[in-house]
Amino acid sequence: MESSHVHALQSKHDRLEALLHDEMNRPAPNAATIQELKKRKLIIKEELQQA
């Protein structure tokens, strides 16, 4: 059974993935925004691996 912390991290990761997808599909994507979203996703992914 997964903990609520793991579930919360997965939800955050999914939201960041959706934001990243939306940004990348804009007519003029912002490279800095994409980089920041990827960085935040990586941090959450590392937290999930440690959980």
PDB file of N, CA and C in Angstrom:
ATOM      1  N   MET A   1       0.855  -1.189   0.000  1.00  0.00           N
ATOM      2  CA  MET A   1       0.000   0.000   0.000  1.00  0.00           C
ATOM      3  C   MET A   1       0.894   1.244   0.000  1.00  0.00           C
ATOM      4  N   GLU A   2       0.590   2.187  -0.870  1.00  0.00           N
ATOM      5  CA  GLU A   2       1.458   3.357  -0.952  1.00  0.00           C
ATOM      6  C   GLU A   2       1.016   4.427   0.033  1.00  0.00           C
ATOM      7  N   SER A   3       1.979   5.142   0.532  1.00  0.00           N
ATOM      8  CA  SER A   3       1.701   6.170   1.531  1.00  0.00           C
ATOM      9  C   SER A   3       1.111   7.414   0.877  1.00  0.00           C
ATOM     10  N   SER A   4       0.520   8.245   1.712  1.00  0.00           N
ATOM     11  CA  SER A   4      -0.056   9.485   1.189  1.00  0.00           C
ATOM     12  C   SER A   4       1.046  10.416   0.671  1.00  0.00           C
ATOM     13  N   HIS A   5       2.243  10.332   1.276  1.00  0.00           N
ATOM     14  CA  HIS A   5       3.365  11.150   0.808  1.00  0.00           C
ATOM     15  C   HIS A   5       3.754  10.765  -0.621  1.00  0.00           C
ATOM     16  N   VAL A   6       3.845   9.470  -0.879  1.00  0.00           N
ATOM     17  CA  VAL A   6       4.191   8.991  -2.222  1.00  0.00           C
ATOM     18  C   VAL A   6       3.102   9.405  -3.204  1.00  0.00           C
ATOM     19  N   HIS A   7       1.858   9.268  -2.798  1.00  0.00           N
ATOM     20  CA  HIS A   7       0.743   9.652  -3.671  1.00  0.00           C
ATOM     21  C   HIS A   7       0.800  11.152  -3.983  1.00  0.00           C
ATOM     22  N   ALA A   8       1.107  11.963  -2.979  1.00  0.00           N
ATOM     23  CA  ALA A   8       1.208  13.414  -3.189  1.00  0.00           C
ATOM     24  C   ALA A   8       2.343  13.742  -4.155  1.00  0.00           C
ATOM     25  N   LEU A   9       3.477  13.063  -3.991  1.00  0.00           N
ATOM     26  CA  LEU A   9       4.603  13.293  -4.903  1.00  0.00           C
ATOM     27  C   LEU A   9       4.243  12.897  -6.330  1.00  0.00           C
ATOM     28  N   GLN A  10       3.548  11.779  -6.485  1.00  0.00           N
ATOM     29  CA  GLN A  10       3.148  11.345  -7.825  1.00  0.00           C
ATOM     30  C   GLN A  10       2.182  12.345  -8.451  1.00  0.00           C
ATOM     31  N   SER A  11       1.288  12.890  -7.645  1.00  0.00           N
ATOM     32  CA  SER A  11       0.347  13.891  -8.154  1.00  0.00           C
ATOM     33  C   SER A  11       1.082  15.143  -8.611  1.00  0.00           C
ATOM     34  N   LYS A  12       2.056  15.594  -7.811  1.00  0.00           N
ATOM     35  CA  LYS A  12       2.854  16.761  -8.195  1.00  0.00           C
ATOM     36  C   LYS A  12       3.619  16.490  -9.486  1.00  0.00           C
ATOM     37  N   HIS A  13       4.187  15.306  -9.596  1.00  0.00           N
ATOM     38  CA  HIS A  13       4.946  14.929 -10.792  1.00  0.00           C
ATOM     39  C   HIS A  13       4.029  14.953 -12.012  1.00  0.00           C
ATOM     40  N   ASP A  14       2.824  14.415 -11.865  1.00  0.00           N
ATOM     41  CA  ASP A  14       1.864  14.394 -12.966  1.00  0.00           C
ATOM     42  C   ASP A  14       1.454  15.806 -13.380  1.00  0.00           C
ATOM     43  N   ARG A  15       1.246  16.693 -12.401  1.00  0.00           N
ATOM     44  CA  ARG A  15       0.891  18.081 -12.723  1.00  0.00           C
ATOM     45  C   ARG A  15       2.022  18.777 -13.463  1.00  0.00           C
ATOM     46  N   LEU A  16       3.260  18.553 -13.002  1.00  0.00           N
ATOM     47  CA  LEU A  16       4.405  19.148 -13.684  1.00  0.00           C
ATOM     48  C   LEU A  16       4.539  18.611 -15.102  1.00  0.00           C
ATOM     49  N   GLU A  17       4.270  17.328 -15.285  1.00  0.00           N
ATOM     50  CA  GLU A  17       4.325  16.730 -16.624  1.00  0.00           C
ATOM     51  C   GLU A  17       3.307  17.398 -17.547  1.00  0.00           C
ATOM     52  N   ALA A  18       2.111  17.648 -17.030  1.00  0.00           N
ATOM     53  CA  ALA A  18       1.066  18.308 -17.828  1.00  0.00           C
ATOM     54  C   ALA A  18       1.472  19.740 -18.175  1.00  0.00           C
ATOM     55  N   LEU A  19       2.029  20.455 -17.194  1.00  0.00           N
ATOM     56  CA  LEU A  19       2.490  21.821 -17.460  1.00  0.00           C
ATOM     57  C   LEU A  19       3.609  21.830 -18.494  1.00  0.00           C
ATOM     58  N   LEU A  20       4.524  20.884 -18.373  1.00  0.00           N
ATOM     59  CA  LEU A  20       5.628  20.780 -19.324  1.00  0.00           C
ATOM     60  C   LEU A  20       5.098  20.497 -20.729  1.00  0.00           C
ATOM     61  N   HIS A  21       4.159  19.583 -20.818  1.00  0.00           N
ATOM     62  CA  HIS A  21       3.564  19.244 -22.115  1.00  0.00           C
ATOM     63  C   HIS A  21       2.895  20.481 -22.735  1.00  0.00           C
ATOM     64  N   ASP A  22       2.125  21.211 -21.913  1.00  0.00           N
ATOM     65  CA  ASP A  22       1.451  22.413 -22.408  1.00  0.00           C
ATOM     66  C   ASP A  22       2.460  23.455 -22.887  1.00  0.00           C
ATOM     67  N   GLU A  23       3.517  23.661 -22.104  1.00  0.00           N
ATOM     68  CA  GLU A  23       4.521  24.665 -22.466  1.00  0.00           C
ATOM     69  C   GLU A  23       5.233  24.283 -23.759  1.00  0.00           C
ATOM     70  N   MET A  24       5.569  23.014 -23.903  1.00  0.00           N
ATOM     71  CA  MET A  24       6.299  22.574 -25.089  1.00  0.00           C
ATOM     72  C   MET A  24       5.443  22.646 -26.352  1.00  0.00           C
ATOM     73  N   ASN A  25       4.132  22.623 -26.189  1.00  0.00           N
ATOM     74  CA  ASN A  25       3.247  22.670 -27.348  1.00  0.00           C
ATOM     75  C   ASN A  25       2.738  24.065 -27.666  1.00  0.00           C
ATOM     76  N   ARG A  26       3.209  25.071 -26.927  1.00  0.00           N
ATOM     77  CA  ARG A  26       2.846  26.452 -27.232  1.00  0.00           C
ATOM     78  C   ARG A  26       3.532  26.881 -28.521  1.00  0.00           C
ATOM     79  N   PRO A  27       2.980  27.876 -29.197  1.00  0.00           N
ATOM     80  CA  PRO A  27       3.632  28.364 -30.427  1.00  0.00           C
ATOM     81  C   PRO A  27       5.058  28.871 -30.191  1.00  0.00           C
ATOM     82  N   ALA A  28       5.289  29.491 -29.031  1.00  0.00           N
ATOM     83  CA  ALA A  28       6.633  29.988 -28.711  1.00  0.00           C
ATOM     84  C   ALA A  28       6.970  29.553 -27.280  1.00  0.00           C
ATOM     85  N   PRO A  29       7.410  28.299 -27.119  1.00  0.00           N
ATOM     86  CA  PRO A  29       7.704  27.811 -25.770  1.00  0.00           C
ATOM     87  C   PRO A  29       8.841  28.580 -25.107  1.00  0.00           C
ATOM     88  N   ASN A  30       8.736  28.755 -23.803  1.00  0.00           N
ATOM     89  CA  ASN A  30       9.736  29.464 -23.021  1.00  0.00           C
ATOM     90  C   ASN A  30      10.755  28.448 -22.517  1.00  0.00           C
ATOM     91  N   ALA A  31      11.980  28.541 -22.996  1.00  0.00           N
ATOM     92  CA  ALA A  31      13.026  27.573 -22.646  1.00  0.00           C
ATOM     93  C   ALA A  31      13.326  27.573 -21.154  1.00  0.00           C
ATOM     94  N   ALA A  32      13.293  28.734 -20.521  1.00  0.00           N
ATOM     95  CA  ALA A  32      13.567  28.812 -19.084  1.00  0.00           C
ATOM     96  C   ALA A  32      12.475  28.102 -18.286  1.00  0.00           C
ATOM     97  N   THR A  33      11.241  28.261 -18.703  1.00  0.00           N
ATOM     98  CA  THR A  33      10.126  27.591 -18.032  1.00  0.00           C
ATOM     99  C   THR A  33      10.253  26.084 -18.192  1.00  0.00           C
ATOM    100  N   ILE A  34      10.583  25.640 -19.378  1.00  0.00           N
ATOM    101  CA  ILE A  34      10.750  24.207 -19.636  1.00  0.00           C
ATOM    102  C   ILE A  34      11.867  23.647 -18.761  1.00  0.00           C
ATOM    103  N   GLN A  35      12.976  24.344 -18.678  1.00  0.00           N
ATOM    104  CA  GLN A  35      14.104  23.900 -17.863  1.00  0.00           C
ATOM    105  C   GLN A  35      13.702  23.810 -16.390  1.00  0.00           C
ATOM    106  N   GLU A  36      12.988  24.805 -15.889  1.00  0.00           N
ATOM    107  CA  GLU A  36      12.559  24.815 -14.488  1.00  0.00           C
ATOM    108  C   GLU A  36      11.592  23.659 -14.201  1.00  0.00           C
ATOM    109  N   LEU A  37      10.649  23.423 -15.102  1.00  0.00           N
ATOM    110  CA  LEU A  37       9.702  22.325 -14.910  1.00  0.00           C
ATOM    111  C   LEU A  37      10.418  20.980 -14.901  1.00  0.00           C
ATOM    112  N   LYS A  38      11.376  20.806 -15.795  1.00  0.00           N
ATOM    113  CA  LYS A  38      12.143  19.551 -15.839  1.00  0.00           C
ATOM    114  C   LYS A  38      12.944  19.355 -14.558  1.00  0.00           C
ATOM    115  N   LYS A  39      13.521  20.446 -14.051  1.00  0.00           N
ATOM    116  CA  LYS A  39      14.305  20.379 -12.823  1.00  0.00           C
ATOM    117  C   LYS A  39      13.408  19.970 -11.644  1.00  0.00           C
ATOM    118  N   ARG A  40      12.219  20.580 -11.567  1.00  0.00           N
ATOM    119  CA  ARG A  40      11.294  20.257 -10.484  1.00  0.00           C
ATOM    120  C   ARG A  40      10.816  18.812 -10.591  1.00  0.00           C
ATOM    121  N   LYS A  41      10.582  18.350 -11.806  1.00  0.00           N
ATOM    122  CA  LYS A  41      10.181  16.949 -12.005  1.00  0.00           C
ATOM    123  C   LYS A  41      11.282  15.999 -11.544  1.00  0.00           C
ATOM    124  N   LEU A  42      12.521  16.316 -11.864  1.00  0.00           N
ATOM    125  CA  LEU A  42      13.644  15.466 -11.476  1.00  0.00           C
ATOM    126  C   LEU A  42      13.774  15.386  -9.955  1.00  0.00           C
ATOM    127  N   ILE A  43      13.608  16.505  -9.280  1.00  0.00           N
ATOM    128  CA  ILE A  43      13.684  16.521  -7.821  1.00  0.00           C
ATOM    129  C   ILE A  43      12.610  15.606  -7.230  1.00  0.00           C
ATOM    130  N   ILE A  44      11.405  15.698  -7.759  1.00  0.00           N
ATOM    131  CA  ILE A  44      10.318  14.849  -7.260  1.00  0.00           C
ATOM    132  C   ILE A  44      10.589  13.389  -7.576  1.00  0.00           C
ATOM    133  N   LYS A  45      11.108  13.117  -8.769  1.00  0.00           N
ATOM    134  CA  LYS A  45      11.424  11.734  -9.134  1.00  0.00           C
ATOM    135  C   LYS A  45      12.456  11.146  -8.164  1.00  0.00           C
ATOM    136  N   GLU A  46      13.454  11.936  -7.807  1.00  0.00           N
ATOM    137  CA  GLU A  46      14.467  11.463  -6.858  1.00  0.00           C
ATOM    138  C   GLU A  46      13.848  11.208  -5.487  1.00  0.00           C
ATOM    139  N   GLU A  47      12.917  12.070  -5.070  1.00  0.00           N
ATOM    140  CA  GLU A  47      12.231  11.858  -3.793  1.00  0.00           C
ATOM    141  C   GLU A  47      11.409  10.568  -3.828  1.00  0.00           C
ATOM    142  N   LEU A  48      10.770  10.317  -4.953  1.00  0.00           N
ATOM    143  CA  LEU A  48       9.967   9.092  -5.085  1.00  0.00           C
ATOM    144  C   LEU A  48      10.851   7.835  -4.988  1.00  0.00           C
ATOM    145  N   GLN A  49      12.031   7.903  -5.563  1.00  0.00           N
ATOM    146  CA  GLN A  49      12.922   6.759  -5.519  1.00  0.00           C
ATOM    147  C   GLN A  49      13.421   6.487  -4.100  1.00  0.00           C
ATOM    148  N   GLN A  50      13.507   7.525  -3.283  1.00  0.00           N
ATOM    149  CA  GLN A  50      13.967   7.359  -1.914  1.00  0.00           C
ATOM    150  C   GLN A  50      12.829   6.953  -0.974  1.00  0.00           C
ATOM    151  N   ALA A  51      11.584   7.153  -1.407  1.00  0.00           N
ATOM    152  CA  ALA A  51      10.430   6.856  -0.545  1.00  0.00           C
ATOM    153  C   ALA A  51      10.172   5.359  -0.466  1.00  0.00           C
TER     154      ALA A  51
END
